[in-house]
N, C-alpha and C. Protein backbone atom coordinates (compact mmCIF):
# COMPACT_ATOMS: atom_id res chain seq x y z
N UNK A 1 151.27 85.85 94.19
CA UNK A 1 150.25 85.46 93.78
C UNK A 1 149.43 86.51 94.93
N UNK A 2 147.98 87.02 94.20
CA UNK A 2 147.31 87.65 94.87
C UNK A 2 145.84 87.73 94.11
N UNK A 3 145.04 88.09 95.05
CA UNK A 3 143.59 88.19 94.31
C UNK A 3 143.32 88.70 92.87
N UNK A 4 144.49 89.19 92.11
CA UNK A 4 144.89 89.76 90.67
C UNK A 4 144.89 88.42 89.74
N UNK A 5 145.57 87.51 90.18
CA UNK A 5 145.36 86.25 89.57
C UNK A 5 144.00 85.28 89.63
N UNK A 6 143.16 85.88 90.18
CA UNK A 6 141.79 85.15 90.31
C UNK A 6 141.86 83.84 91.07
N UNK A 7 141.16 82.72 90.69
CA UNK A 7 140.95 81.10 91.24
C UNK A 7 142.43 80.95 90.84
N UNK A 8 143.05 79.84 91.55
CA UNK A 8 144.39 79.50 90.85
C UNK A 8 144.04 77.85 91.14
N UNK A 9 144.22 77.08 89.95
CA UNK A 9 144.62 75.37 90.28
C UNK A 9 145.44 75.29 90.62
N UNK A 10 145.73 74.81 92.13
CA UNK A 10 147.13 74.88 92.91
C UNK A 10 147.82 73.59 92.27
N UNK A 11 146.67 72.37 92.24
CA UNK A 11 147.09 71.41 91.99
C UNK A 11 147.92 70.95 90.61
N UNK A 12 147.33 72.06 89.63
CA UNK A 12 147.82 72.34 88.30
C UNK A 12 149.29 72.78 88.23
N UNK A 13 149.08 73.83 89.29
CA UNK A 13 150.52 74.36 89.51
C UNK A 13 151.34 73.69 89.98
N UNK A 14 151.30 72.88 91.03
CA UNK A 14 152.15 71.80 91.77
C UNK A 14 153.01 70.89 90.61
N UNK A 15 151.79 70.42 89.85
CA UNK A 15 152.05 69.02 88.94
C UNK A 15 152.89 69.81 88.03
N UNK A 16 153.06 71.40 87.53
CA UNK A 16 154.28 71.52 86.85
C UNK A 16 155.35 71.57 87.31
N UNK A 17 155.63 71.12 88.34
CA UNK A 17 156.88 71.31 89.08
C UNK A 17 157.75 72.40 89.88
N UNK A 18 156.46 73.12 90.34
CA UNK A 18 157.16 74.52 90.94
C UNK A 18 157.69 74.13 92.34
N UNK A 19 158.58 74.54 92.88
CA UNK A 19 158.95 74.22 94.08
C UNK A 19 158.00 75.47 95.58
N UNK A 20 158.15 76.54 94.95
CA UNK A 20 157.61 77.31 95.92
C UNK A 20 156.57 78.50 95.34
N UNK A 21 155.87 79.17 96.52
CA UNK A 21 155.17 80.27 95.97
C UNK A 21 154.96 81.28 96.92
N UNK A 22 154.97 82.64 96.65
CA UNK A 22 154.87 83.44 97.40
C UNK A 22 153.31 84.32 97.04
N UNK A 23 152.74 84.53 98.24
CA UNK A 23 151.22 84.74 98.18
C UNK A 23 151.01 86.38 99.11
N UNK A 24 150.49 87.12 98.27
CA UNK A 24 149.94 88.40 99.45
C UNK A 24 149.43 88.21 100.33
N UNK A 25 149.09 88.75 101.49
CA UNK A 25 148.41 88.51 102.70
C UNK A 25 148.17 89.85 102.99
N UNK A 26 148.69 90.94 103.19
CA UNK A 26 148.35 92.21 103.70
C UNK A 26 149.43 93.20 103.25
N UNK A 27 148.62 94.76 103.15
CA UNK A 27 149.27 96.12 102.95
C UNK A 27 149.00 97.34 103.74
N UNK A 28 150.16 98.10 103.90
CA UNK A 28 149.53 98.77 104.57
C UNK A 28 149.24 98.53 106.48
N UNK A 29 148.22 99.62 106.46
CA UNK A 29 147.72 99.42 107.71
C UNK A 29 146.78 98.56 108.29
N UNK A 30 145.68 98.39 106.92
CA UNK A 30 144.52 97.56 107.76
C UNK A 30 144.01 96.58 106.17
N UNK A 31 144.82 96.97 104.82
CA UNK A 31 144.50 95.67 103.77
C UNK A 31 144.61 94.52 104.19
N UNK A 32 143.85 93.54 103.69
CA UNK A 32 143.98 92.32 103.61
C UNK A 32 143.36 91.50 102.73
N UNK A 33 144.35 91.17 101.71
CA UNK A 33 144.17 90.32 100.57
C UNK A 33 142.97 89.62 100.79
N UNK A 34 141.75 89.79 99.44
CA UNK A 34 140.75 88.85 100.04
C UNK A 34 140.73 87.51 99.72
N UNK A 35 142.20 86.97 98.80
CA UNK A 35 141.92 85.73 98.18
C UNK A 35 143.20 84.88 99.04
N UNK A 36 143.59 85.83 100.14
CA UNK A 36 144.85 85.21 101.04
C UNK A 36 144.41 83.91 101.33
N UNK A 37 143.67 83.91 102.58
CA UNK A 37 143.47 82.58 103.01
C UNK A 37 143.05 81.39 102.16
N UNK A 38 142.29 81.78 101.17
CA UNK A 38 142.16 80.55 99.97
C UNK A 38 143.31 79.82 99.29
N UNK A 39 143.95 81.16 98.93
CA UNK A 39 145.57 80.49 98.50
C UNK A 39 146.65 80.12 99.37
N UNK A 40 146.54 80.87 100.56
CA UNK A 40 147.45 79.82 101.42
C UNK A 40 146.96 78.68 101.85
N UNK A 41 145.60 78.09 102.49
CA UNK A 41 145.05 76.83 102.51
C UNK A 41 145.19 75.97 101.07
N UNK A 42 145.20 76.29 99.78
CA UNK A 42 145.00 75.42 98.82
C UNK A 42 146.84 74.88 98.33
N UNK A 43 147.28 76.01 98.72
CA UNK A 43 149.12 75.73 98.24
C UNK A 43 149.41 75.04 99.38
N UNK A 44 149.04 75.16 100.18
CA UNK A 44 150.00 74.28 101.73
C UNK A 44 149.29 72.99 101.28
N UNK A 45 147.82 72.70 100.72
CA UNK A 45 147.56 70.78 100.46
C UNK A 45 148.48 70.23 99.20
N UNK A 46 149.12 71.25 98.31
CA UNK A 46 150.21 70.76 97.43
C UNK A 46 151.36 70.32 97.84
N UNK A 47 151.86 70.86 99.01
CA UNK A 47 153.29 70.31 99.41
C UNK A 47 154.17 71.48 98.56
N UNK A 48 154.21 72.60 98.23
CA UNK A 48 155.00 73.37 97.85
C UNK A 48 155.14 74.30 98.87
N UNK A 49 156.22 74.78 99.34
CA UNK A 49 156.81 75.73 100.19
C UNK A 49 155.84 76.81 99.89
N UNK A 50 155.27 77.96 100.73
CA UNK A 50 154.83 78.77 100.69
C UNK A 50 155.17 80.03 101.58
N UNK A 51 154.99 81.33 101.07
CA UNK A 51 155.25 82.39 102.00
C UNK A 51 153.96 83.39 101.49
N UNK A 52 154.51 84.02 103.04
CA UNK A 52 153.33 85.34 102.60
C UNK A 52 154.02 86.57 102.59
N UNK A 53 153.46 87.69 101.86
CA UNK A 53 154.08 89.13 101.92
C UNK A 53 153.11 90.01 102.73
N UNK A 54 153.80 91.09 102.98
CA UNK A 54 152.97 92.20 103.13
C UNK A 54 153.87 93.63 101.93
N UNK A 55 152.80 94.17 101.79
CA UNK A 55 153.45 95.49 100.77
C UNK A 55 153.36 96.64 101.73
N UNK A 56 154.74 96.78 101.59
CA UNK A 56 155.03 98.08 102.91
C UNK A 56 154.32 99.53 102.10
N UNK A 57 153.78 100.13 102.95
CA UNK A 57 153.47 101.85 102.94
C UNK A 57 154.42 102.89 103.61
N UNK A 58 155.04 103.52 103.29
CA UNK A 58 155.77 104.58 103.92
C UNK A 58 155.36 105.58 104.69
N UNK A 59 153.93 105.94 104.61
CA UNK A 59 153.26 106.57 104.98
C UNK A 59 152.66 106.30 106.39
N UNK A 60 152.50 104.49 106.70
CA UNK A 60 152.03 104.00 107.87
C UNK A 60 153.03 103.30 108.82
N UNK A 61 152.85 103.61 110.32
CA UNK A 61 154.07 103.15 111.12
C UNK A 61 154.03 101.18 110.78
N UNK A 62 155.30 101.55 110.78
CA UNK A 62 155.99 100.21 110.73
C UNK A 62 155.37 98.91 111.75
N UNK A 63 155.07 99.68 112.87
CA UNK A 63 154.51 98.51 114.04
C UNK A 63 152.93 98.38 113.94
N UNK A 64 152.32 99.84 112.97
CA UNK A 64 150.74 99.25 112.55
C UNK A 64 151.09 98.09 111.44
N UNK A 65 151.96 98.09 110.61
CA UNK A 65 151.77 97.30 109.02
C UNK A 65 152.08 95.99 110.05
N UNK A 66 152.97 95.89 110.92
CA UNK A 66 153.08 94.12 111.43
C UNK A 66 151.64 93.96 112.21
N UNK A 67 151.34 94.83 112.85
CA UNK A 67 149.90 94.05 113.56
C UNK A 67 148.79 93.72 112.34
N UNK A 68 149.32 94.25 111.67
CA UNK A 68 147.93 93.70 110.31
C UNK A 68 148.40 92.72 109.62
N UNK A 69 149.79 92.55 109.28
CA UNK A 69 150.37 91.20 108.80
C UNK A 69 149.84 90.06 110.17
N UNK A 70 150.29 90.30 111.35
CA UNK A 70 150.12 89.39 112.27
C UNK A 70 148.53 88.84 112.36
N UNK A 71 147.90 89.89 112.40
CA UNK A 71 146.53 89.13 112.02
C UNK A 71 145.97 88.35 111.47
N UNK A 72 146.55 88.05 109.98
CA UNK A 72 146.40 87.79 108.85
C UNK A 72 147.05 86.23 108.73
N UNK A 73 148.37 86.24 109.19
CA UNK A 73 149.31 85.33 108.49
C UNK A 73 149.76 83.95 110.03
N UNK A 74 149.31 83.11 110.11
CA UNK A 74 149.91 82.27 110.95
C UNK A 74 151.00 81.07 110.06
N UNK A 75 152.20 81.24 110.47
CA UNK A 75 152.94 80.54 109.99
C UNK A 75 153.45 79.24 110.45
N UNK A 76 153.85 78.24 109.74
CA UNK A 76 154.16 76.55 110.49
C UNK A 76 155.66 76.40 110.26
N UNK A 77 156.24 75.45 110.91
CA UNK A 77 157.25 74.74 110.11
C UNK A 77 157.09 74.63 108.60
N UNK A 78 158.27 74.65 108.15
CA UNK A 78 158.51 74.55 106.66
C UNK A 78 157.94 75.63 105.41
N UNK A 79 157.50 76.47 106.17
CA UNK A 79 156.82 77.86 105.33
C UNK A 79 157.99 78.59 105.11
N UNK A 80 157.95 79.54 104.42
CA UNK A 80 158.88 80.48 104.11
C UNK A 80 159.00 81.27 105.03
N UNK A 81 160.00 82.24 105.33
CA UNK A 81 160.12 83.50 106.16
C UNK A 81 158.85 84.49 105.50
N UNK A 82 158.65 85.43 106.31
CA UNK A 82 157.60 86.32 105.72
C UNK A 82 158.54 87.53 105.03
N UNK A 83 157.96 87.93 104.42
CA UNK A 83 158.64 88.72 102.85
C UNK A 83 157.98 90.38 103.28
N UNK A 84 158.89 91.23 103.26
CA UNK A 84 157.98 92.81 103.47
C UNK A 84 158.86 93.48 101.90
N UNK A 85 157.22 93.61 101.18
CA UNK A 85 157.80 94.50 99.80
C UNK A 85 157.57 95.51 99.99
N UNK A 86 158.95 96.31 99.42
CA UNK A 86 159.53 97.37 99.66
C UNK A 86 159.49 98.07 98.57
N UNK A 87 158.81 99.17 97.72
CA UNK A 87 159.23 99.48 96.80
C UNK A 87 158.84 101.21 96.72
N UNK A 88 158.57 101.61 97.81
CA UNK A 88 157.98 102.85 97.57
C UNK A 88 158.81 103.59 99.03
N UNK A 89 159.41 104.97 99.07
CA UNK A 89 159.97 105.13 100.36
C UNK A 89 158.82 106.65 100.26
N UNK A 90 158.38 106.97 99.79
CA UNK A 90 157.38 108.27 99.91
C UNK A 90 158.22 109.30 100.32
N UNK A 91 157.61 109.94 101.69
CA UNK A 91 158.44 111.00 102.23
C UNK A 91 159.48 111.16 102.59
N UNK A 92 159.70 109.69 103.27
CA UNK A 92 160.93 109.17 104.00
C UNK A 92 162.34 109.24 103.33
N UNK A 93 163.04 109.89 104.02
CA UNK A 93 164.68 109.97 103.89
C UNK A 93 164.92 108.51 103.69
N UNK A 94 166.11 108.31 102.71
CA UNK A 94 166.65 106.66 102.84
C UNK A 94 166.79 106.16 103.98
N UNK A 95 167.64 107.19 105.11
CA UNK A 95 167.96 106.59 106.12
C UNK A 95 166.40 106.18 106.97
N UNK A 96 165.18 107.00 107.20
CA UNK A 96 164.09 106.65 107.67
C UNK A 96 163.50 105.59 107.09
N UNK A 97 163.59 105.38 105.80
CA UNK A 97 163.15 104.09 105.07
C UNK A 97 163.80 102.91 106.05
N UNK A 98 165.21 103.03 105.69
CA UNK A 98 166.00 102.02 106.43
C UNK A 98 165.63 101.88 107.69
N UNK A 99 165.27 102.56 108.56
CA UNK A 99 164.97 102.59 109.67
C UNK A 99 163.44 101.78 110.20
N UNK A 100 162.48 102.23 109.28
CA UNK A 100 161.14 101.65 109.23
C UNK A 100 161.18 99.88 108.77
N UNK A 101 162.05 99.63 107.88
CA UNK A 101 161.95 98.43 107.50
C UNK A 101 162.91 97.81 108.37
N UNK A 102 163.90 97.99 109.17
CA UNK A 102 164.19 97.39 110.39
C UNK A 102 163.16 97.00 111.55
N UNK A 103 162.62 98.47 111.71
CA UNK A 103 161.25 97.88 112.63
C UNK A 103 160.34 96.90 112.71
N UNK A 104 160.04 96.95 111.33
CA UNK A 104 159.41 96.04 110.79
C UNK A 104 159.86 94.36 110.94
N UNK A 105 160.96 94.59 110.32
CA UNK A 105 161.58 93.38 110.50
C UNK A 105 161.78 92.95 111.87
N UNK A 106 162.42 93.55 112.71
CA UNK A 106 162.52 93.29 114.04
C UNK A 106 161.37 92.60 114.96
N UNK A 107 159.90 93.23 114.33
CA UNK A 107 159.01 92.67 115.21
C UNK A 107 158.27 91.32 114.33
N UNK A 108 158.68 91.29 113.12
CA UNK A 108 158.22 89.89 112.84
C UNK A 108 159.33 88.65 113.07
N UNK A 109 160.43 89.24 113.32
CA UNK A 109 161.72 88.42 113.51
C UNK A 109 161.28 87.68 115.23
N UNK A 110 160.85 88.29 115.95
CA UNK A 110 160.28 88.18 117.29
C UNK A 110 158.95 87.26 117.28
N UNK A 111 157.99 87.43 116.41
CA UNK A 111 156.60 86.81 116.30
C UNK A 111 156.59 85.63 115.89
N UNK A 112 157.93 85.49 114.76
CA UNK A 112 157.78 84.11 113.92
C UNK A 112 159.43 83.53 114.38
N UNK A 113 160.30 83.84 115.08
CA UNK A 113 161.20 83.40 115.32
C UNK A 113 162.38 83.35 113.78
N UNK A 114 161.91 84.05 112.79
CA UNK A 114 162.86 83.94 111.48
C UNK A 114 162.96 85.21 110.95
N UNK A 115 164.23 85.54 110.34
CA UNK A 115 164.12 86.90 109.81
C UNK A 115 163.43 87.02 108.42
N UNK A 116 162.83 88.17 108.17
CA UNK A 116 161.93 87.85 107.03
C UNK A 116 162.70 88.31 105.81
N UNK A 117 162.32 88.20 104.61
CA UNK A 117 163.18 88.27 103.42
C UNK A 117 162.60 89.98 103.01
N UNK A 118 163.65 90.53 102.37
CA UNK A 118 163.28 92.00 102.27
C UNK A 118 163.26 91.77 100.49
N UNK A 119 161.80 92.08 99.83
CA UNK A 119 161.90 92.50 98.22
C UNK A 119 161.73 93.45 97.91
N UNK A 120 162.48 94.09 97.00
CA UNK A 120 162.65 94.83 96.11
C UNK A 120 162.98 95.01 94.92
N UNK A 121 162.85 95.76 94.16
CA UNK A 121 163.46 95.85 92.22
C UNK A 121 165.30 96.26 92.83
N UNK A 122 165.75 95.85 91.71
CA UNK A 122 167.07 96.02 91.94
C UNK A 122 167.42 97.63 91.99
N UNK A 123 166.86 98.52 91.47
CA UNK A 123 167.48 99.98 91.25
C UNK A 123 167.06 100.29 92.35
N UNK A 124 165.61 100.18 92.84
CA UNK A 124 165.27 100.48 94.08
C UNK A 124 166.64 100.31 95.30
N UNK A 125 166.95 98.92 95.28
CA UNK A 125 167.64 98.77 96.31
C UNK A 125 168.86 99.24 96.09
N UNK A 126 169.56 99.68 95.01
CA UNK A 126 170.62 100.14 94.78
C UNK A 126 170.76 101.61 95.40
N UNK A 127 169.75 102.30 95.16
CA UNK A 127 169.80 103.65 95.39
C UNK A 127 169.23 104.01 96.69
N UNK A 128 168.68 103.22 97.45
CA UNK A 128 168.25 103.29 98.71
C UNK A 128 168.25 102.53 99.90
N UNK A 129 168.38 100.95 99.67
CA UNK A 129 168.67 100.17 100.85
C UNK A 129 170.25 99.12 100.82
N UNK A 130 171.15 99.48 99.69
CA UNK A 130 172.44 99.03 99.55
C UNK A 130 172.97 99.09 100.90
N UNK A 131 173.58 97.98 101.23
CA UNK A 131 174.61 97.95 102.20
C UNK A 131 173.89 98.27 103.76
N UNK A 132 172.76 98.52 103.75
CA UNK A 132 171.88 98.58 104.86
C UNK A 132 170.88 97.65 105.98
N UNK A 133 170.87 96.66 104.91
CA UNK A 133 169.66 95.49 105.54
C UNK A 133 170.58 93.93 105.37
N UNK A 134 172.03 93.94 105.63
CA UNK A 134 172.59 92.77 105.15
C UNK A 134 172.12 91.55 105.81
N UNK A 135 171.64 91.90 107.34
CA UNK A 135 170.67 90.75 108.01
C UNK A 135 169.80 90.11 107.98
N UNK A 136 168.85 90.42 106.47
CA UNK A 136 168.27 89.43 105.94
C UNK A 136 168.42 89.42 104.79
N UNK A 137 167.91 88.14 104.39
CA UNK A 137 167.84 87.63 103.27
C UNK A 137 167.15 88.66 101.91
N UNK A 138 167.63 88.81 101.21
CA UNK A 138 167.30 89.59 100.02
C UNK A 138 166.48 88.94 98.86
N UNK A 139 165.28 89.15 98.43
CA UNK A 139 164.85 88.89 97.08
C UNK A 139 164.73 90.50 95.96
N UNK A 140 165.11 90.03 94.71
CA UNK A 140 165.53 91.33 93.94
C UNK A 140 164.62 91.02 92.94
N UNK A 141 164.12 91.87 92.22
CA UNK A 141 163.27 92.03 90.81
C UNK A 141 164.25 92.94 89.61
N UNK A 142 164.21 91.91 88.55
CA UNK A 142 165.00 92.85 87.71
C UNK A 142 164.53 91.82 86.27
N UNK A 143 163.87 92.50 85.38
CA UNK A 143 163.00 91.97 84.40
C UNK A 143 163.94 92.24 83.19
N UNK A 144 164.99 91.08 83.26
CA UNK A 144 165.92 91.32 82.15
C UNK A 144 166.52 89.67 82.28
N UNK A 145 167.20 89.69 80.70
CA UNK A 145 168.17 88.18 80.87
C UNK A 145 169.06 88.28 81.71
N UNK A 146 169.59 89.63 82.08
CA UNK A 146 170.42 89.48 83.16
C UNK A 146 170.01 89.52 84.80
N UNK A 147 171.14 88.90 85.40
CA UNK A 147 170.93 88.48 87.23
C UNK A 147 171.13 90.04 87.53
N UNK A 148 170.28 90.22 88.80
CA UNK A 148 170.46 91.54 89.20
C UNK A 148 171.72 91.74 89.71
N UNK A 149 172.38 92.91 89.85
CA UNK A 149 173.89 93.31 90.28
C UNK A 149 173.45 94.48 91.37
N UNK A 150 174.17 94.23 92.34
CA UNK A 150 173.99 95.13 93.19
C UNK A 150 175.29 96.28 93.92
N UNK A 151 175.26 97.09 93.57
CA UNK A 151 176.24 98.27 93.99
C UNK A 151 177.08 97.95 95.26
N UNK A 152 176.48 97.28 96.28
CA UNK A 152 177.37 96.66 97.22
C UNK A 152 178.21 95.18 97.40
N UNK A 153 177.50 94.45 96.03
CA UNK A 153 178.01 93.27 95.85
C UNK A 153 177.26 92.03 96.63
N UNK A 154 176.26 92.80 97.29
CA UNK A 154 175.47 91.83 97.79
C UNK A 154 174.81 90.82 97.56
N UNK A 155 174.97 89.29 98.05
CA UNK A 155 174.18 88.19 97.45
C UNK A 155 172.95 88.37 97.57
N UNK A 156 171.92 87.51 96.84
CA UNK A 156 170.46 87.47 96.93
C UNK A 156 170.07 86.07 96.76
N UNK A 157 168.74 85.82 97.61
CA UNK A 157 168.06 84.54 97.46
C UNK A 157 167.29 84.28 96.52
N UNK A 158 166.54 85.23 95.74
CA UNK A 158 165.61 84.95 94.86
C UNK A 158 165.95 86.22 94.04
N UNK A 159 165.18 85.58 92.68
CA UNK A 159 165.30 86.66 91.42
C UNK A 159 164.12 86.39 90.70
N UNK A 160 163.38 87.45 90.79
CA UNK A 160 162.46 87.90 90.16
C UNK A 160 162.51 88.10 88.38
N UNK A 161 162.34 87.28 87.50
CA UNK A 161 162.92 87.39 86.47
C UNK A 161 162.06 88.08 85.39
N UNK A 162 160.51 87.89 85.70
CA UNK A 162 159.36 88.53 84.90
C UNK A 162 158.32 89.01 85.32
N UNK A 163 157.22 89.40 85.05
CA UNK A 163 156.35 89.84 85.58
C UNK A 163 154.89 89.38 84.52
N UNK A 164 155.59 88.47 83.25
CA UNK A 164 154.57 88.60 82.34
C UNK A 164 154.86 86.92 82.00
N UNK A 165 154.74 85.90 83.22
CA UNK A 165 154.83 84.60 83.29
C UNK A 165 153.44 83.75 83.02
N UNK A 166 153.43 82.93 82.12
CA UNK A 166 152.24 82.01 81.86
C UNK A 166 152.30 80.51 82.67
N UNK A 167 151.76 80.17 83.36
CA UNK A 167 151.80 78.95 83.79
C UNK A 167 150.44 78.27 83.85
N UNK A 168 150.42 76.68 83.66
CA UNK A 168 149.53 75.74 84.30
C UNK A 168 148.55 76.14 85.71
N UNK A 169 147.39 76.17 85.72
CA UNK A 169 146.44 76.97 86.63
C UNK A 169 146.33 78.09 87.14
N UNK A 170 146.89 79.22 86.21
CA UNK A 170 146.59 80.22 86.15
C UNK A 170 146.38 81.27 84.99
N UNK A 171 145.31 82.02 85.24
CA UNK A 171 144.90 82.50 84.23
C UNK A 171 145.51 84.05 83.75
N UNK A 172 145.87 84.62 82.71
CA UNK A 172 146.71 85.92 82.56
C UNK A 172 148.25 85.74 83.31
N UNK A 173 148.90 86.90 83.31
CA UNK A 173 150.31 87.14 83.84
C UNK A 173 150.32 86.68 85.26
N UNK A 174 151.64 86.35 85.46
CA UNK A 174 152.08 85.93 86.78
C UNK A 174 153.69 86.00 86.89
N UNK A 175 153.68 86.71 88.26
CA UNK A 175 155.32 87.02 88.55
C UNK A 175 156.35 85.54 88.43
N UNK A 176 157.69 85.39 87.79
CA UNK A 176 158.31 84.13 88.24
C UNK A 176 159.36 84.47 88.79
N UNK A 177 159.81 83.69 89.49
CA UNK A 177 160.94 83.84 90.18
C UNK A 177 161.73 82.61 90.11
N UNK A 178 163.56 82.53 90.48
CA UNK A 178 164.12 81.48 90.84
C UNK A 178 164.74 81.86 92.11
N UNK A 179 164.83 80.33 92.59
CA UNK A 179 166.08 80.36 94.16
C UNK A 179 167.05 80.32 93.58
N UNK A 180 167.96 81.00 94.11
CA UNK A 180 169.41 81.09 93.85
C UNK A 180 170.49 79.94 94.84
N UNK A 181 170.05 78.93 94.84
CA UNK A 181 170.42 77.53 95.82
C UNK A 181 169.56 76.65 95.57
N UNK A 182 170.06 75.58 96.43
CA UNK A 182 169.67 73.97 96.36
C UNK A 182 168.09 73.87 96.99
N UNK A 183 167.91 72.97 96.70
CA UNK A 183 166.80 72.59 97.44
C UNK A 183 167.00 72.47 99.40
N UNK A 184 167.94 71.84 99.69
CA UNK A 184 168.93 71.94 100.62
C UNK A 184 168.70 73.43 101.38
N UNK A 185 168.90 74.16 100.54
CA UNK A 185 169.38 75.83 101.10
C UNK A 185 167.92 76.19 101.26
N UNK A 186 166.91 76.07 100.51
CA UNK A 186 165.58 76.27 100.29
C UNK A 186 165.03 75.85 101.91
N UNK A 187 165.33 74.52 102.33
CA UNK A 187 164.82 73.78 103.31
C UNK A 187 165.31 74.91 104.35
N UNK A 188 166.29 75.21 104.86
CA UNK A 188 167.08 75.84 105.48
C UNK A 188 166.69 76.96 105.91
N UNK A 189 166.29 77.67 104.69
CA UNK A 189 165.80 79.12 104.90
C UNK A 189 164.66 79.11 105.64
N UNK A 190 163.56 78.08 105.67
CA UNK A 190 162.44 77.96 106.12
C UNK A 190 162.01 78.06 107.44
N UNK A 191 161.45 78.44 107.97
CA UNK A 191 160.85 78.19 109.65
C UNK A 191 161.14 76.74 110.01
N UNK A 192 162.15 76.46 111.21
CA UNK A 192 162.66 75.04 111.47
C UNK A 192 161.18 74.33 111.90
N UNK A 193 161.58 72.84 112.22
CA UNK A 193 160.60 72.23 113.08
C UNK A 193 160.70 72.76 114.75
N UNK A 194 159.66 72.51 115.26
CA UNK A 194 159.58 72.82 116.53
C UNK A 194 160.37 71.67 117.16
N UNK A 195 161.35 72.35 118.24
CA UNK A 195 162.21 70.97 119.18
C UNK A 195 161.41 70.78 120.34
N UNK A 196 161.33 69.50 120.75
CA UNK A 196 160.61 68.69 121.55
C UNK A 196 161.62 68.60 122.66
N UNK A 197 161.42 68.34 124.07
CA UNK A 197 162.26 68.11 124.73
C UNK A 197 163.22 66.69 124.88
N UNK A 198 162.32 66.07 124.52
CA UNK A 198 163.26 64.88 124.23
C UNK A 198 164.43 64.41 123.29
N UNK A 199 163.77 65.54 121.94
CA UNK A 199 164.72 65.78 121.27
C UNK A 199 166.17 66.14 121.47
N UNK A 200 165.88 67.28 122.42
CA UNK A 200 166.63 67.97 123.20
C UNK A 200 167.64 67.29 124.08
N UNK A 201 167.14 66.29 124.50
CA UNK A 201 167.86 65.12 125.39
C UNK A 201 168.58 64.27 124.77
N UNK A 202 168.36 63.95 123.55
CA UNK A 202 168.66 63.10 122.84
C UNK A 202 169.75 63.16 122.46
N UNK A 203 170.41 64.80 122.66
CA UNK A 203 171.44 65.08 121.71
C UNK A 203 172.76 65.12 123.48
N UNK A 204 172.36 64.77 124.24
CA UNK A 204 173.04 64.34 125.13
C UNK A 204 173.39 63.18 125.53
N UNK A 205 172.34 62.41 124.89
CA UNK A 205 172.56 60.77 125.56
C UNK A 205 172.21 60.63 126.90
N UNK A 206 172.40 59.17 127.21
CA UNK A 206 171.83 58.96 128.32
C UNK A 206 173.00 58.72 129.31
C-alpha cells in the first residue's frame, strides 16, 4: 500500500479475509509517504498484521535512510518487522550494495529489536543479492503462476505474485502477496510482546 491507492476502506479489506498488509512509509533521504500515518492507523484498527517499508535509494547513505524511517515509524508488539525494498543498485557494485543493505538492516535491528525483511524481485535477488543476506527474512516478487526460484536455494517468507490485484476497499490495482507459512509462523515473525519483570520471575517459580 502507498498513497497511489488513494483512500482505502480498511474495514472492507479486513472483512475480505486478509491477514496482513505492508504499507509504504519512507523513501531515500527524506521522502515520507503522505498517506502512511492514516493507513498505519486504520490498518491497526482492523486487527490485521501491519508492516512498514522503506524504498532504498542507492545514492543515499544507509544511515541517512534509516534515520528517515525511524522518524516516521513507531512499531509495536505484533507488528511485522520493517521492510527494505531494494530494486536498484545505481552505481554501486554488487558488493557495495550488499554492504549498504546490511548497514541499514543492522541499524534497524538495533532500533526495533527484530531483523528487517528484505524485499526485491526474483531476478534482482539472483543477480546481486543471492547468498549474501541469509540472516534476513526474504520477500520476493515474481509475477507469474510459478513461485520464485533462487539460484542459491534460499527459502523466502513472502511471495508477491501480482501487481494487478483487485480487492474490496481499494480502487485500482494493488500488489498481492502470500505468506509461505502458517498463522503461527506469521505471528512468530512479528515483533514479540514486551517481557515484564513478573514474567521473568514466573519462569523460575518460587
